[in-house]
């Protein structure tokens, strides 16, 4: 019987902790601001995943109380706040936590060394270009692998309006 159903009290516990945990998480996220769930870099992504894991753990694990689960949320959100605060104020911390965008295609050439370092394939670049509505790479001036893992497409028409600035991009 334990495989499909344990008890009504177990279901009630999951319901109560799920609702209270959800409300707690929403309130903490509103207090901490939009940055907490951003996907600007790997650290932000890790915090998002860890919040979900913490939420799931304390709802389903009978050994973890609501207070312990909420404290887990507070620790994760607090650490994200501290690291983002330090990143703005320290170039050393910024280099440790954040990656730099990488130019992977430029002026009708794949930048193979940059692609290898970034572990990105031509097919992924081409897919991203198609997702942005371009049938071919002929109208694309550059493709940048951003710090959040997304690919930014810069069209040739944009280049004609102003000079393309690739300063600060890894090549």
Protein backbone atom coordinates (compact mmCIF):
# COMPACT_ATOMS: atom_id res chain seq x y z
CA UNK A 1 0.00 0.00 0.00
CA UNK A 2 2.94 2.37 0.64
CA UNK A 3 3.84 2.47 -3.03
CA UNK A 4 0.64 4.23 -4.15
CA UNK A 5 -0.69 5.77 -0.94
CA UNK A 6 0.66 6.17 2.58
CA UNK A 7 -1.87 8.20 4.50
CA UNK A 8 -4.21 11.14 4.36
CA UNK A 9 -2.03 12.96 6.88
CA UNK A 10 0.97 12.68 4.50
CA UNK A 11 -1.12 14.17 1.70
CA UNK A 12 -2.32 16.90 4.03
CA UNK A 13 1.25 17.70 5.04
CA UNK A 14 2.31 18.04 1.39
CA UNK A 15 -0.72 20.26 0.69
CA UNK A 16 -0.12 22.55 3.67
CA UNK A 17 3.66 22.79 3.16
CA UNK A 18 3.19 23.25 -0.58
CA UNK A 19 0.80 26.17 -0.13
CA UNK A 20 2.76 27.81 2.72
CA UNK A 21 6.11 27.20 1.01
CA UNK A 22 4.81 28.65 -2.23
CA UNK A 23 3.49 31.76 -0.48
CA UNK A 24 6.81 32.14 1.40
CA UNK A 25 8.84 31.79 -1.79
CA UNK A 26 6.71 34.30 -3.69
CA UNK A 27 6.97 36.83 -0.84
CA UNK A 28 10.75 36.38 -0.56
CA UNK A 29 11.17 36.73 -4.33
CA UNK A 30 9.07 39.91 -4.36
CA UNK A 31 11.15 41.34 -1.52
CA UNK A 32 14.46 40.40 -3.16
CA UNK A 33 13.57 41.90 -6.55
CA UNK A 34 13.65 40.77 -10.17
CA UNK A 35 17.37 40.02 -10.20
CA UNK A 36 16.91 36.89 -8.07
CA UNK A 37 15.33 34.91 -10.90
CA UNK A 38 17.25 36.46 -13.76
CA UNK A 39 19.28 34.29 -16.09
CA UNK A 40 22.17 36.70 -16.56
CA UNK A 41 24.92 34.23 -15.70
CA UNK A 42 25.63 30.76 -14.37
CA UNK A 43 25.36 31.83 -10.72
CA UNK A 44 21.84 33.20 -11.27
CA UNK A 45 20.86 29.96 -13.00
CA UNK A 46 22.21 27.90 -10.11
CA UNK A 47 20.19 29.92 -7.59
CA UNK A 48 17.01 29.36 -9.61
CA UNK A 49 17.61 25.60 -9.75
CA UNK A 50 18.54 25.45 -6.06
CA UNK A 51 15.34 27.28 -5.07
CA UNK A 52 13.28 24.71 -6.95
CA UNK A 53 15.21 21.84 -5.42
CA UNK A 54 14.82 23.28 -1.93
CA UNK A 55 11.10 23.75 -2.47
CA UNK A 56 10.64 20.18 -3.65
CA UNK A 57 12.76 18.78 -0.83
CA UNK A 58 10.96 20.39 2.05
CA UNK A 59 7.51 19.63 0.65
CA UNK A 60 8.23 15.91 0.25
CA UNK A 61 10.81 15.16 2.95
CA UNK A 62 9.13 14.57 6.30
CA UNK A 63 12.36 15.40 8.12
CA UNK A 64 12.38 19.01 6.87
CA UNK A 65 10.05 21.55 8.49
CA UNK A 66 8.50 24.62 6.89
CA UNK A 67 10.83 26.85 8.94
CA UNK A 68 13.88 24.95 7.66
CA UNK A 69 12.65 25.19 4.08
CA UNK A 70 12.01 28.93 4.35
CA UNK A 71 15.46 29.35 5.93
CA UNK A 72 16.88 27.53 2.89
CA UNK A 73 15.12 30.05 0.63
CA UNK A 74 16.48 32.94 2.70
CA UNK A 75 20.04 31.59 2.55
CA UNK A 76 19.93 31.10 -1.24
CA UNK A 77 18.31 34.46 -1.95
CA UNK A 78 20.64 36.18 0.52
CA UNK A 79 23.73 34.63 -1.07
CA UNK A 80 22.51 35.63 -4.53
CA UNK A 81 22.03 39.19 -3.26
CA UNK A 82 25.49 39.30 -1.64
CA UNK A 83 27.26 37.86 -4.70
CA UNK A 84 25.48 40.23 -7.11
CA UNK A 85 26.26 43.18 -4.78
CA UNK A 86 29.94 42.16 -4.64
CA UNK A 87 30.04 41.62 -8.41
CA UNK A 88 29.07 45.24 -9.00
CA UNK A 89 31.75 46.50 -6.60
CA UNK A 90 34.69 44.16 -7.25
CA UNK A 91 36.26 43.35 -10.60
CA UNK A 92 37.89 40.25 -9.09
CA UNK A 93 34.56 38.84 -7.93
CA UNK A 94 33.00 39.83 -11.25
CA UNK A 95 35.65 37.84 -13.17
CA UNK A 96 35.09 34.81 -10.94
CA UNK A 97 31.28 34.84 -11.15
CA UNK A 98 30.49 36.17 -14.61
CA UNK A 99 31.60 35.02 -18.01
CA UNK A 100 32.10 37.29 -20.99
CA UNK A 101 30.10 37.22 -24.21
CA UNK A 102 31.88 35.46 -27.07
CA UNK A 103 31.81 36.30 -30.75
CA UNK A 104 31.25 33.00 -32.59
CA UNK A 105 30.40 34.26 -36.09
CA UNK A 106 31.56 37.50 -37.67
CA UNK A 107 31.69 38.96 -41.17
CA UNK A 108 30.53 35.74 -42.87
CA UNK A 109 33.06 33.57 -41.03
CA UNK A 110 32.63 31.06 -38.25
CA UNK A 111 35.16 31.80 -35.51
CA UNK A 112 36.17 28.18 -34.97
CA UNK A 113 38.53 28.73 -32.01
CA UNK A 114 35.87 30.72 -30.16
CA UNK A 115 33.27 28.08 -31.01
CA UNK A 116 35.51 25.33 -29.62
CA UNK A 117 36.14 27.24 -26.38
CA UNK A 118 32.40 27.88 -26.06
CA UNK A 119 31.52 24.31 -27.06
CA UNK A 120 29.02 25.46 -29.66
CA UNK A 121 28.42 23.84 -33.04
CA UNK A 122 27.71 25.42 -36.41
CA UNK A 123 24.29 23.77 -36.39
CA UNK A 124 23.40 25.58 -33.14
CA UNK A 125 24.40 28.93 -34.62
CA UNK A 126 22.40 28.21 -37.77
CA UNK A 127 19.37 27.14 -35.72
CA UNK A 128 19.49 30.35 -33.73
CA UNK A 129 19.75 32.39 -36.93
CA UNK A 130 16.68 30.59 -38.33
CA UNK A 131 14.81 31.13 -35.05
CA UNK A 132 15.36 34.86 -35.52
CA UNK A 133 13.75 34.69 -38.97
CA UNK A 134 16.80 34.62 -41.22
CA UNK A 135 16.79 32.03 -44.00
CA UNK A 136 20.57 32.18 -44.42
CA UNK A 137 23.62 33.75 -42.81
CA UNK A 138 24.02 36.20 -45.71
CA UNK A 139 22.12 38.92 -43.84
CA UNK A 140 23.86 38.26 -40.53
CA UNK A 141 26.89 40.33 -39.56
CA UNK A 142 27.63 38.67 -36.22
CA UNK A 143 26.47 36.06 -33.74
CA UNK A 144 27.35 36.51 -30.07
CA UNK A 145 27.14 33.81 -27.41
CA UNK A 146 25.85 35.79 -24.43
CA UNK A 147 26.69 35.19 -20.76
CA UNK A 148 23.31 33.51 -20.20
CA UNK A 149 23.93 30.99 -23.00
CA UNK A 150 21.64 32.62 -25.54
CA UNK A 151 22.79 33.61 -29.02
CA UNK A 152 22.33 37.21 -30.16
CA UNK A 153 22.02 37.80 -33.89
CA UNK A 154 23.23 41.10 -35.33
CA UNK A 155 21.98 41.73 -38.83
CA UNK A 156 23.85 43.47 -41.61
CA UNK A 157 21.19 46.17 -41.85
CA UNK A 158 21.87 47.11 -38.23
CA UNK A 159 25.58 47.39 -39.07
CA UNK A 160 24.86 49.81 -41.92
CA UNK A 161 23.07 52.14 -39.50
CA UNK A 162 26.05 52.31 -37.15
CA UNK A 163 29.47 50.75 -36.73
CA UNK A 164 29.39 47.33 -35.08
CA UNK A 165 31.10 47.50 -31.68
CA UNK A 166 32.74 44.20 -30.79
CA UNK A 167 34.90 45.61 -28.00
CA UNK A 168 34.65 43.55 -24.83
CA UNK A 169 33.73 40.36 -26.67
CA UNK A 170 35.96 37.32 -26.55
CA UNK A 171 37.01 36.27 -30.03
